[in-house]
PDB file of all heavy atoms in Angstrom:
ATOM      1  N   LEU A   1     -13.596   2.690   8.690  1.00  0.00           N
ATOM      2  CA  LEU A   1     -14.563   3.732   8.361  1.00  0.00           C
ATOM      3  C   LEU A   1     -13.909   5.103   8.310  1.00  0.00           C
ATOM      4  O   LEU A   1     -14.229   5.922   7.448  1.00  0.00           O
ATOM      5  CB  LEU A   1     -15.694   3.745   9.392  1.00  0.00           C
ATOM      6  CG  LEU A   1     -16.765   4.832   9.221  1.00  0.00           C
ATOM      7  CD1 LEU A   1     -17.546   4.628   7.931  1.00  0.00           C
ATOM      8  CD2 LEU A   1     -17.717   4.843  10.419  1.00  0.00           C
ATOM      9  N   LEU A   2     -12.969   5.381   9.210  1.00  0.00           N
ATOM     10  CA  LEU A   2     -12.400   6.723   9.310  1.00  0.00           C
ATOM     11  C   LEU A   2     -11.446   7.044   8.159  1.00  0.00           C
ATOM     12  O   LEU A   2     -11.432   8.159   7.647  1.00  0.00           O
ATOM     13  CB  LEU A   2     -11.671   6.883  10.650  1.00  0.00           C
ATOM     14  CG  LEU A   2     -12.569   6.958  11.891  1.00  0.00           C
ATOM     15  CD1 LEU A   2     -11.715   7.084  13.142  1.00  0.00           C
ATOM     16  CD2 LEU A   2     -13.531   8.139  11.793  1.00  0.00           C
ATOM     17  N   ILE A   3     -10.614   6.084   7.772  1.00  0.00           N
ATOM     18  CA  ILE A   3      -9.713   6.260   6.637  1.00  0.00           C
ATOM     19  C   ILE A   3      -9.947   5.084   5.693  1.00  0.00           C
ATOM     20  O   ILE A   3      -9.453   3.976   5.954  1.00  0.00           O
ATOM     21  CB  ILE A   3      -8.235   6.316   7.069  1.00  0.00           C
ATOM     22  CG1 ILE A   3      -8.013   7.443   8.075  1.00  0.00           C
ATOM     23  CG2 ILE A   3      -7.324   6.516   5.850  1.00  0.00           C
ATOM     24  CD1 ILE A   3      -6.575   7.572   8.568  1.00  0.00           C
ATOM     25  N   PRO A   4     -10.728   5.273   4.634  1.00  0.00           N
ATOM     26  CA  PRO A   4     -11.034   4.160   3.739  1.00  0.00           C
ATOM     27  C   PRO A   4      -9.784   3.388   3.319  1.00  0.00           C
ATOM     28  O   PRO A   4      -8.745   3.973   3.006  1.00  0.00           O
ATOM     29  CB  PRO A   4     -11.703   4.850   2.552  1.00  0.00           C
ATOM     30  CG  PRO A   4     -12.361   6.050   3.154  1.00  0.00           C
ATOM     31  CD  PRO A   4     -11.394   6.511   4.217  1.00  0.00           C
ATOM     32  N   THR A   5      -9.922   2.068   3.328  1.00  0.00           N
ATOM     33  CA  THR A   5      -8.797   1.177   3.060  1.00  0.00           C
ATOM     34  C   THR A   5      -8.133   1.466   1.722  1.00  0.00           C
ATOM     35  O   THR A   5      -6.911   1.333   1.571  1.00  0.00           O
ATOM     36  CB  THR A   5      -9.286  -0.281   3.089  1.00  0.00           C
ATOM     37  OG1 THR A   5     -10.147  -0.462   4.233  1.00  0.00           O
ATOM     38  CG2 THR A   5      -8.132  -1.245   3.162  1.00  0.00           C
ATOM     39  N   GLY A   6      -8.925   1.881   0.759  1.00  0.00           N
ATOM     40  CA  GLY A   6      -8.387   2.162  -0.569  1.00  0.00           C
ATOM     41  C   GLY A   6      -7.348   3.259  -0.581  1.00  0.00           C
ATOM     42  O   GLY A   6      -6.539   3.349  -1.512  1.00  0.00           O
ATOM     43  N   SER A   7      -7.325   4.080   0.474  1.00  0.00           N
ATOM     44  CA  SER A   7      -6.322   5.136   0.559  1.00  0.00           C
ATOM     45  C   SER A   7      -4.912   4.558   0.577  1.00  0.00           C
ATOM     46  O   SER A   7      -4.001   5.074  -0.083  1.00  0.00           O
ATOM     47  CB  SER A   7      -6.563   5.971   1.818  1.00  0.00           C
ATOM     48  OG  SER A   7      -5.521   6.874   2.058  1.00  0.00           O
ATOM     49  N   SER A   8      -4.711   3.482   1.334  1.00  0.00           N
ATOM     50  CA  SER A   8      -3.391   2.843   1.383  1.00  0.00           C
ATOM     51  C   SER A   8      -3.074   2.139   0.069  1.00  0.00           C
ATOM     52  O   SER A   8      -1.910   2.071  -0.338  1.00  0.00           O
ATOM     53  CB  SER A   8      -3.326   1.849   2.545  1.00  0.00           C
ATOM     54  OG  SER A   8      -3.195   2.532   3.773  1.00  0.00           O
ATOM     55  N   LYS A   9      -4.093   1.605  -0.575  1.00  0.00           N
ATOM     56  CA  LYS A   9      -3.891   0.991  -1.885  1.00  0.00           C
ATOM     57  C   LYS A   9      -3.435   2.041  -2.892  1.00  0.00           C
ATOM     58  O   LYS A   9      -2.538   1.795  -3.716  1.00  0.00           O
ATOM     59  CB  LYS A   9      -5.172   0.319  -2.362  1.00  0.00           C
ATOM     60  CG  LYS A   9      -5.071  -0.420  -3.681  1.00  0.00           C
ATOM     61  CD  LYS A   9      -6.371  -1.130  -4.000  1.00  0.00           C
ATOM     62  CE  LYS A   9      -6.290  -1.855  -5.335  1.00  0.00           C
ATOM     63  NZ  LYS A   9      -6.148  -0.941  -6.484  1.00  0.00           N
ATOM     64  N   VAL A  10      -4.018   3.240  -2.839  1.00  0.00           N
ATOM     65  CA  VAL A  10      -3.597   4.328  -3.723  1.00  0.00           C
ATOM     66  C   VAL A  10      -2.141   4.680  -3.454  1.00  0.00           C
ATOM     67  O   VAL A  10      -1.347   4.857  -4.380  1.00  0.00           O
ATOM     68  CB  VAL A  10      -4.497   5.576  -3.525  1.00  0.00           C
ATOM     69  CG1 VAL A  10      -3.917   6.785  -4.256  1.00  0.00           C
ATOM     70  CG2 VAL A  10      -5.904   5.292  -4.034  1.00  0.00           C
ATOM     71  N   PHE A  11      -1.776   4.783  -2.168  1.00  0.00           N
ATOM     72  CA  PHE A  11      -0.384   5.109  -1.834  1.00  0.00           C
ATOM     73  C   PHE A  11       0.566   4.048  -2.386  1.00  0.00           C
ATOM     74  O   PHE A  11       1.596   4.374  -2.993  1.00  0.00           O
ATOM     75  CB  PHE A  11      -0.221   5.235  -0.317  1.00  0.00           C
ATOM     76  CG  PHE A  11       1.162   5.647   0.093  1.00  0.00           C
ATOM     77  CD1 PHE A  11       1.509   6.985   0.179  1.00  0.00           C
ATOM     78  CD2 PHE A  11       2.138   4.695   0.379  1.00  0.00           C
ATOM     79  CE1 PHE A  11       2.798   7.376   0.544  1.00  0.00           C
ATOM     80  CE2 PHE A  11       3.427   5.066   0.735  1.00  0.00           C
ATOM     81  CZ  PHE A  11       3.753   6.411   0.814  1.00  0.00           C
ATOM     82  N   TYR A  12       0.233   2.797  -2.152  1.00  0.00           N
ATOM     83  CA  TYR A  12       1.067   1.695  -2.648  1.00  0.00           C
ATOM     84  C   TYR A  12       1.225   1.781  -4.164  1.00  0.00           C
ATOM     85  O   TYR A  12       2.327   1.645  -4.703  1.00  0.00           O
ATOM     86  CB  TYR A  12       0.445   0.367  -2.255  1.00  0.00           C
ATOM     87  CG  TYR A  12       1.214  -0.852  -2.734  1.00  0.00           C
ATOM     88  CD1 TYR A  12       2.197  -1.430  -1.944  1.00  0.00           C
ATOM     89  CD2 TYR A  12       0.951  -1.413  -3.981  1.00  0.00           C
ATOM     90  CE1 TYR A  12       2.907  -2.539  -2.376  1.00  0.00           C
ATOM     91  CE2 TYR A  12       1.653  -2.522  -4.432  1.00  0.00           C
ATOM     92  CZ  TYR A  12       2.636  -3.089  -3.627  1.00  0.00           C
ATOM     93  OH  TYR A  12       3.330  -4.182  -4.081  1.00  0.00           O
ATOM     94  N   ASP A  13       0.114   2.016  -4.858  1.00  0.00           N
ATOM     95  CA  ASP A  13       0.154   2.090  -6.321  1.00  0.00           C
ATOM     96  C   ASP A  13       0.980   3.278  -6.793  1.00  0.00           C
ATOM     97  O   ASP A  13       1.693   3.191  -7.807  1.00  0.00           O
ATOM     98  CB  ASP A  13      -1.265   2.175  -6.889  1.00  0.00           C
ATOM     99  CG  ASP A  13      -2.051   0.873  -6.726  1.00  0.00           C
ATOM    100  OD1 ASP A  13      -1.409  -0.174  -6.492  1.00  0.00           O
ATOM    101  OD2 ASP A  13      -3.287   0.911  -6.822  1.00  0.00           O
ATOM    102  N   LYS A  14       0.897   4.394  -6.072  1.00  0.00           N
ATOM    103  CA  LYS A  14       1.683   5.578  -6.445  1.00  0.00           C
ATOM    104  C   LYS A  14       3.177   5.317  -6.297  1.00  0.00           C
ATOM    105  O   LYS A  14       3.981   5.698  -7.148  1.00  0.00           O
ATOM    106  CB  LYS A  14       1.270   6.775  -5.582  1.00  0.00           C
ATOM    107  CG  LYS A  14      -0.136   7.301  -5.834  1.00  0.00           C
ATOM    108  CD  LYS A  14      -0.215   8.115  -7.110  1.00  0.00           C
ATOM    109  CE  LYS A  14      -1.549   8.830  -7.214  1.00  0.00           C
ATOM    110  NZ  LYS A  14      -1.655   9.633  -8.470  1.00  0.00           N
ATOM    111  N   VAL A  15       3.548   4.668  -5.200  1.00  0.00           N
ATOM    112  CA  VAL A  15       4.954   4.322  -4.999  1.00  0.00           C
ATOM    113  C   VAL A  15       5.403   3.336  -6.077  1.00  0.00           C
ATOM    114  O   VAL A  15       6.494   3.460  -6.645  1.00  0.00           O
ATOM    115  CB  VAL A  15       5.181   3.739  -3.593  1.00  0.00           C
ATOM    116  CG1 VAL A  15       6.629   3.259  -3.427  1.00  0.00           C
ATOM    117  CG2 VAL A  15       4.861   4.779  -2.529  1.00  0.00           C
ATOM    118  N   SER A  16       4.541   2.373  -6.373  1.00  0.00           N
ATOM    119  CA  SER A  16       4.868   1.393  -7.408  1.00  0.00           C
ATOM    120  C   SER A  16       5.047   2.060  -8.767  1.00  0.00           C
ATOM    121  O   SER A  16       6.018   1.788  -9.492  1.00  0.00           O
ATOM    122  CB  SER A  16       3.754   0.338  -7.485  1.00  0.00           C
ATOM    123  OG  SER A  16       4.008  -0.600  -8.510  1.00  0.00           O
ATOM    124  N   ASP A  17       4.122   2.940  -9.127  1.00  0.00           N
ATOM    125  CA  ASP A  17       4.201   3.629 -10.423  1.00  0.00           C
ATOM    126  C   ASP A  17       5.470   4.479 -10.522  1.00  0.00           C
ATOM    127  O   ASP A  17       5.995   4.698 -11.615  1.00  0.00           O
ATOM    128  CB  ASP A  17       2.973   4.521 -10.620  1.00  0.00           C
ATOM    129  CG  ASP A  17       1.695   3.720 -10.816  1.00  0.00           C
ATOM    130  OD1 ASP A  17       1.777   2.510 -11.074  1.00  0.00           O
ATOM    131  OD2 ASP A  17       0.607   4.320 -10.683  1.00  0.00           O
ATOM    132  N   THR A  18       5.951   4.968  -9.386  1.00  0.00           N
ATOM    133  CA  THR A  18       7.143   5.811  -9.366  1.00  0.00           C
ATOM    134  C   THR A  18       8.425   4.991  -9.442  1.00  0.00           C
ATOM    135  O   THR A  18       9.374   5.360 -10.149  1.00  0.00           O
ATOM    136  CB  THR A  18       7.167   6.675  -8.093  1.00  0.00           C
ATOM    137  OG1 THR A  18       5.968   7.466  -8.032  1.00  0.00           O
ATOM    138  CG2 THR A  18       8.372   7.607  -8.078  1.00  0.00           C
ATOM    139  N   LEU A  19       8.465   3.860  -8.738  1.00  0.00           N
ATOM    140  CA  LEU A  19       9.718   3.130  -8.572  1.00  0.00           C
ATOM    141  C   LEU A  19       9.904   1.936  -9.510  1.00  0.00           C
ATOM    142  O   LEU A  19      11.037   1.634  -9.899  1.00  0.00           O
ATOM    143  CB  LEU A  19       9.845   2.658  -7.122  1.00  0.00           C
ATOM    144  CG  LEU A  19       9.891   3.753  -6.060  1.00  0.00           C
ATOM    145  CD1 LEU A  19      10.199   3.157  -4.697  1.00  0.00           C
ATOM    146  CD2 LEU A  19      10.916   4.815  -6.412  1.00  0.00           C
ATOM    147  N   VAL A  20       8.831   1.259  -9.857  1.00  0.00           N
ATOM    148  CA  VAL A  20       8.979   0.081 -10.720  1.00  0.00           C
ATOM    149  C   VAL A  20       9.618   0.428 -12.065  1.00  0.00           C
ATOM    150  O   VAL A  20      10.497  -0.308 -12.544  1.00  0.00           O
ATOM    151  CB  VAL A  20       7.624  -0.630 -10.902  1.00  0.00           C
ATOM    152  CG1 VAL A  20       7.710  -1.697 -12.000  1.00  0.00           C
ATOM    153  CG2 VAL A  20       7.177  -1.263  -9.586  1.00  0.00           C
ATOM    154  N   PRO A  21       9.233   1.568 -12.700  1.00  0.00           N
ATOM    155  CA  PRO A  21       9.917   1.923 -13.956  1.00  0.00           C
ATOM    156  C   PRO A  21      11.417   2.158 -13.778  1.00  0.00           C
ATOM    157  O   PRO A  21      12.162   2.121 -14.756  1.00  0.00           O
ATOM    158  CB  PRO A  21       9.209   3.219 -14.380  1.00  0.00           C
ATOM    159  CG  PRO A  21       7.857   3.132 -13.765  1.00  0.00           C
ATOM    160  CD  PRO A  21       8.096   2.467 -12.443  1.00  0.00           C
ATOM    161  N   LYS A  22      11.848   2.380 -12.529  1.00  0.00           N
ATOM    162  CA  LYS A  22      13.278   2.555 -12.259  1.00  0.00           C
ATOM    163  C   LYS A  22      13.973   1.232 -11.964  1.00  0.00           C
ATOM    164  O   LYS A  22      15.144   1.206 -11.603  1.00  0.00           O
ATOM    165  CB  LYS A  22      13.482   3.503 -11.081  1.00  0.00           C
ATOM    166  CG  LYS A  22      12.952   4.912 -11.317  1.00  0.00           C
ATOM    167  CD  LYS A  22      13.253   5.803 -10.116  1.00  0.00           C
ATOM    168  CE  LYS A  22      12.779   7.234 -10.365  1.00  0.00           C
ATOM    169  NZ  LYS A  22      13.130   8.138  -9.248  1.00  0.00           N
ATOM    170  N   GLY A  23      13.216   0.143 -12.095  1.00  0.00           N
ATOM    171  CA  GLY A  23      13.787  -1.169 -11.851  1.00  0.00           C
ATOM    172  C   GLY A  23      13.748  -1.614 -10.404  1.00  0.00           C
ATOM    173  O   GLY A  23      14.388  -2.600 -10.034  1.00  0.00           O
ATOM    174  N   VAL A  24      12.966  -0.924  -9.577  1.00  0.00           N
ATOM    175  CA  VAL A  24      12.882  -1.264  -8.159  1.00  0.00           C
ATOM    176  C   VAL A  24      11.825  -2.343  -7.937  1.00  0.00           C
ATOM    177  O   VAL A  24      10.716  -2.253  -8.474  1.00  0.00           O
ATOM    178  CB  VAL A  24      12.528  -0.022  -7.316  1.00  0.00           C
ATOM    179  CG1 VAL A  24      12.286  -0.398  -5.858  1.00  0.00           C
ATOM    180  CG2 VAL A  24      13.633   1.019  -7.414  1.00  0.00           C
ATOM    181  N   ASN A  25      12.163  -3.343  -7.165  1.00  0.00           N
ATOM    182  CA  ASN A  25      11.204  -4.344  -6.718  1.00  0.00           C
ATOM    183  C   ASN A  25      10.710  -3.907  -5.340  1.00  0.00           C
ATOM    184  O   ASN A  25      11.472  -3.931  -4.361  1.00  0.00           O
ATOM    185  CB  ASN A  25      11.860  -5.722  -6.645  1.00  0.00           C
ATOM    186  CG  ASN A  25      10.900  -6.791  -6.142  1.00  0.00           C
ATOM    187  OD1 ASN A  25       9.719  -6.542  -5.938  1.00  0.00           O
ATOM    188  ND2 ASN A  25      11.426  -7.993  -5.928  1.00  0.00           N
ATOM    189  N   LEU A  26       9.452  -3.489  -5.261  1.00  0.00           N
ATOM    190  CA  LEU A  26       8.939  -2.931  -4.009  1.00  0.00           C
ATOM    191  C   LEU A  26       9.093  -3.893  -2.840  1.00  0.00           C
ATOM    192  O   LEU A  26       9.364  -3.468  -1.710  1.00  0.00           O
ATOM    193  CB  LEU A  26       7.473  -2.531  -4.159  1.00  0.00           C
ATOM    194  CG  LEU A  26       7.209  -1.034  -4.397  1.00  0.00           C
ATOM    195  CD1 LEU A  26       7.862  -0.581  -5.689  1.00  0.00           C
ATOM    196  CD2 LEU A  26       5.718  -0.744  -4.426  1.00  0.00           C
ATOM    197  N   ASP A  27       8.938  -5.181  -3.093  1.00  0.00           N
ATOM    198  CA  ASP A  27       9.026  -6.146  -2.007  1.00  0.00           C
ATOM    199  C   ASP A  27      10.388  -6.155  -1.337  1.00  0.00           C
ATOM    200  O   ASP A  27      10.537  -6.665  -0.221  1.00  0.00           O
ATOM    201  CB  ASP A  27       8.712  -7.557  -2.530  1.00  0.00           C
ATOM    202  CG  ASP A  27       7.214  -7.812  -2.648  1.00  0.00           C
ATOM    203  OD1 ASP A  27       6.434  -6.917  -2.266  1.00  0.00           O
ATOM    204  OD2 ASP A  27       6.832  -8.894  -3.120  1.00  0.00           O
ATOM    205  N   ASP A  28      11.387  -5.561  -1.985  1.00  0.00           N
ATOM    206  CA  ASP A  28      12.722  -5.523  -1.391  1.00  0.00           C
ATOM    207  C   ASP A  28      12.780  -4.618  -0.163  1.00  0.00           C
ATOM    208  O   ASP A  28      13.650  -4.797   0.694  1.00  0.00           O
ATOM    209  CB  ASP A  28      13.754  -5.046  -2.421  1.00  0.00           C
ATOM    210  CG  ASP A  28      14.034  -6.086  -3.489  1.00  0.00           C
ATOM    211  OD1 ASP A  28      13.659  -7.262  -3.306  1.00  0.00           O
ATOM    212  OD2 ASP A  28      14.611  -5.718  -4.532  1.00  0.00           O
ATOM    213  N   PHE A  29      11.863  -3.617  -0.095  1.00  0.00           N
ATOM    214  CA  PHE A  29      11.915  -2.713   1.057  1.00  0.00           C
ATOM    215  C   PHE A  29      10.553  -2.286   1.571  1.00  0.00           C
ATOM    216  O   PHE A  29      10.462  -1.692   2.654  1.00  0.00           O
ATOM    217  CB  PHE A  29      12.724  -1.456   0.705  1.00  0.00           C
ATOM    218  CG  PHE A  29      11.953  -0.358   0.013  1.00  0.00           C
ATOM    219  CD1 PHE A  29      11.577   0.783   0.706  1.00  0.00           C
ATOM    220  CD2 PHE A  29      11.592  -0.462  -1.325  1.00  0.00           C
ATOM    221  CE1 PHE A  29      10.859   1.795   0.084  1.00  0.00           C
ATOM    222  CE2 PHE A  29      10.891   0.546  -1.951  1.00  0.00           C
ATOM    223  CZ  PHE A  29      10.522   1.685  -1.250  1.00  0.00           C
ATOM    224  N   TYR A  30       9.471  -2.603   0.853  1.00  0.00           N
ATOM    225  CA  TYR A  30       8.155  -2.071   1.206  1.00  0.00           C
ATOM    226  C   TYR A  30       7.107  -3.171   1.004  1.00  0.00           C
ATOM    227  O   TYR A  30       6.910  -3.655  -0.112  1.00  0.00           O
ATOM    228  CB  TYR A  30       7.872  -0.857   0.335  1.00  0.00           C
ATOM    229  CG  TYR A  30       6.467  -0.268   0.384  1.00  0.00           C
ATOM    230  CD1 TYR A  30       5.668  -0.358   1.507  1.00  0.00           C
ATOM    231  CD2 TYR A  30       5.966   0.428  -0.713  1.00  0.00           C
ATOM    232  CE1 TYR A  30       4.403   0.198   1.536  1.00  0.00           C
ATOM    233  CE2 TYR A  30       4.702   1.001  -0.691  1.00  0.00           C
ATOM    234  CZ  TYR A  30       3.932   0.878   0.434  1.00  0.00           C
ATOM    235  OH  TYR A  30       2.676   1.435   0.454  1.00  0.00           O
ATOM    236  N   ARG A  31       6.457  -3.552   2.109  1.00  0.00           N
ATOM    237  CA  ARG A  31       5.422  -4.586   2.037  1.00  0.00           C
ATOM    238  C   ARG A  31       4.147  -4.092   2.717  1.00  0.00           C
ATOM    239  O   ARG A  31       4.194  -3.489   3.785  1.00  0.00           O
ATOM    240  CB  ARG A  31       5.921  -5.892   2.656  1.00  0.00           C
ATOM    241  CG  ARG A  31       7.150  -6.416   1.907  1.00  0.00           C
ATOM    242  CD  ARG A  31       7.438  -7.872   2.129  1.00  0.00           C
ATOM    243  NE  ARG A  31       8.498  -8.299   1.208  1.00  0.00           N
ATOM    244  CZ  ARG A  31       8.802  -9.551   0.933  1.00  0.00           C
ATOM    245  NH1 ARG A  31       8.130 -10.533   1.514  1.00  0.00           N
ATOM    246  NH2 ARG A  31       9.767  -9.836   0.086  1.00  0.00           N
ATOM    247  N   PHE A  32       3.044  -4.370   2.064  1.00  0.00           N
ATOM    248  CA  PHE A  32       1.732  -3.852   2.457  1.00  0.00           C
ATOM    249  C   PHE A  32       0.817  -5.032   2.766  1.00  0.00           C
ATOM    250  O   PHE A  32       0.737  -5.987   1.996  1.00  0.00           O
ATOM    251  CB  PHE A  32       1.185  -2.982   1.315  1.00  0.00           C
ATOM    252  CG  PHE A  32      -0.239  -2.529   1.473  1.00  0.00           C
ATOM    253  CD1 PHE A  32      -0.763  -2.190   2.707  1.00  0.00           C
ATOM    254  CD2 PHE A  32      -1.055  -2.412   0.354  1.00  0.00           C
ATOM    255  CE1 PHE A  32      -2.081  -1.760   2.835  1.00  0.00           C
ATOM    256  CE2 PHE A  32      -2.370  -1.979   0.468  1.00  0.00           C
ATOM    257  CZ  PHE A  32      -2.882  -1.660   1.709  1.00  0.00           C
ATOM    258  N   PHE A  33       0.117  -4.949   3.900  1.00  0.00           N
ATOM    259  CA  PHE A  33      -0.758  -6.028   4.347  1.00  0.00           C
ATOM    260  C   PHE A  33      -2.166  -5.484   4.601  1.00  0.00           C
ATOM    261  O   PHE A  33      -2.338  -4.529   5.363  1.00  0.00           O
ATOM    262  CB  PHE A  33      -0.241  -6.641   5.651  1.00  0.00           C
ATOM    263  CG  PHE A  33       1.141  -7.226   5.558  1.00  0.00           C
ATOM    264  CD1 PHE A  33       2.255  -6.403   5.706  1.00  0.00           C
ATOM    265  CD2 PHE A  33       1.331  -8.575   5.331  1.00  0.00           C
ATOM    266  CE1 PHE A  33       3.541  -6.930   5.634  1.00  0.00           C
ATOM    267  CE2 PHE A  33       2.610  -9.110   5.250  1.00  0.00           C
ATOM    268  CZ  PHE A  33       3.713  -8.291   5.392  1.00  0.00           C
ATOM    269  N   LEU A  34      -3.158  -6.086   3.961  1.00  0.00           N
ATOM    270  CA  LEU A  34      -4.556  -5.794   4.283  1.00  0.00           C
ATOM    271  C   LEU A  34      -4.985  -6.719   5.417  1.00  0.00           C
ATOM    272  O   LEU A  34      -4.632  -7.898   5.430  1.00  0.00           O
ATOM    273  CB  LEU A  34      -5.450  -6.011   3.064  1.00  0.00           C
ATOM    274  CG  LEU A  34      -5.304  -5.014   1.919  1.00  0.00           C
ATOM    275  CD1 LEU A  34      -6.161  -5.442   0.722  1.00  0.00           C
ATOM    276  CD2 LEU A  34      -5.711  -3.614   2.361  1.00  0.00           C
ATOM    277  N   ILE A  35      -5.756  -6.172   6.363  1.00  0.00           N
ATOM    278  CA  ILE A  35      -6.260  -6.967   7.481  1.00  0.00           C
ATOM    279  C   ILE A  35      -7.785  -7.039   7.343  1.00  0.00           C
ATOM    280  O   ILE A  35      -8.500  -6.133   7.794  1.00  0.00           O
ATOM    281  CB  ILE A  35      -5.854  -6.359   8.835  1.00  0.00           C
ATOM    282  CG1 ILE A  35      -4.338  -6.151   8.894  1.00  0.00           C
ATOM    283  CG2 ILE A  35      -6.316  -7.261   9.979  1.00  0.00           C
ATOM    284  CD1 ILE A  35      -3.831  -5.598  10.211  1.00  0.00           C
ATOM    285  N   PRO A  36      -8.295  -8.084   6.703  1.00  0.00           N
ATOM    286  CA  PRO A  36      -9.733  -8.180   6.456  1.00  0.00           C
ATOM    287  C   PRO A  36     -10.544  -8.061   7.745  1.00  0.00           C
ATOM    288  O   PRO A  36     -10.197  -8.649   8.773  1.00  0.00           O
ATOM    289  CB  PRO A  36      -9.893  -9.576   5.839  1.00  0.00           C
ATOM    290  CG  PRO A  36      -8.570  -9.863   5.212  1.00  0.00           C
ATOM    291  CD  PRO A  36      -7.569  -9.234   6.147  1.00  0.00           C
ATOM    292  N   GLY A  37     -11.603  -7.262   7.684  1.00  0.00           N
ATOM    293  CA  GLY A  37     -12.527  -7.153   8.807  1.00  0.00           C
ATOM    294  C   GLY A  37     -12.106  -6.222   9.911  1.00  0.00           C
ATOM    295  O   GLY A  37     -12.906  -5.916  10.806  1.00  0.00           O
ATOM    296  N   MET A  38     -10.853  -5.733   9.893  1.00  0.00           N
ATOM    297  CA  MET A  38     -10.406  -4.860  10.984  1.00  0.00           C
ATOM    298  C   MET A  38     -10.913  -3.438  10.787  1.00  0.00           C
ATOM    299  O   MET A  38     -10.949  -2.938   9.661  1.00  0.00           O
ATOM    300  CB  MET A  38      -8.876  -4.856  11.090  1.00  0.00           C
ATOM    301  CG  MET A  38      -8.368  -4.112  12.334  1.00  0.00           C
ATOM    302  SD  MET A  38      -6.580  -4.168  12.566  1.00  0.00           S
ATOM    303  CE  MET A  38      -6.030  -2.862  11.430  1.00  0.00           C
ATOM    304  N   SER A  39     -11.261  -2.803  11.876  1.00  0.00           N
ATOM    305  CA  SER A  39     -11.710  -1.411  11.856  1.00  0.00           C
ATOM    306  C   SER A  39     -10.500  -0.483  11.790  1.00  0.00           C
ATOM    307  O   SER A  39      -9.431  -0.880  11.355  1.00  0.00           O
ATOM    308  CB  SER A  39     -12.577  -1.120  13.075  1.00  0.00           C
ATOM    309  OG  SER A  39     -13.706  -1.973  13.103  1.00  0.00           O
ATOM    310  N   HIS A  40     -10.663   0.745  12.264  1.00  0.00           N
ATOM    311  CA  HIS A  40      -9.574   1.721  12.182  1.00  0.00           C
ATOM    312  C   HIS A  40      -8.468   1.393  13.177  1.00  0.00           C
ATOM    313  O   HIS A  40      -8.661   1.527  14.398  1.00  0.00           O
ATOM    314  CB  HIS A  40     -10.107   3.125  12.421  1.00  0.00           C
ATOM    315  CG  HIS A  40      -9.084   4.192  12.242  1.00  0.00           C
ATOM    316  ND1 HIS A  40      -8.391   4.372  11.070  1.00  0.00           N
ATOM    317  CD2 HIS A  40      -8.595   5.136  13.104  1.00  0.00           C
ATOM    318  CE1 HIS A  40      -7.543   5.368  11.192  1.00  0.00           C
ATOM    319  NE2 HIS A  40      -7.642   5.846  12.425  1.00  0.00           N
ATOM    320  N   CYS A  41      -7.359   0.938  12.675  1.00  0.00           N
ATOM    321  CA  CYS A  41      -6.155   0.605  13.444  1.00  0.00           C
ATOM    322  C   CYS A  41      -6.268  -0.672  14.266  1.00  0.00           C
ATOM    323  O   CYS A  41      -5.269  -1.376  14.466  1.00  0.00           O
ATOM    324  CB  CYS A  41      -5.730   1.749  14.361  1.00  0.00           C
ATOM    325  SG  CYS A  41      -5.185   3.231  13.485  1.00  0.00           S
ATOM    326  N   SER A  42      -7.447  -0.984  14.765  1.00  0.00           N
ATOM    327  CA  SER A  42      -7.589  -2.163  15.617  1.00  0.00           C
ATOM    328  C   SER A  42      -9.044  -2.582  15.684  1.00  0.00           C
ATOM    329  O   SER A  42      -9.936  -1.821  15.323  1.00  0.00           O
ATOM    330  CB  SER A  42      -7.066  -1.877  17.033  1.00  0.00           C
ATOM    331  OG  SER A  42      -7.900  -0.923  17.676  1.00  0.00           O
TER     332      SER A  42
END
């Protein structure tokens, strides 16, 4: 509730849009996990 989950999705997409055109595979150094049902941090 405090920080909508989509905020991290936006960050991930921004990093992807920046690095993938440079030939970077994000999974090589950056992995993102959604935790269904979890509140803020825990």
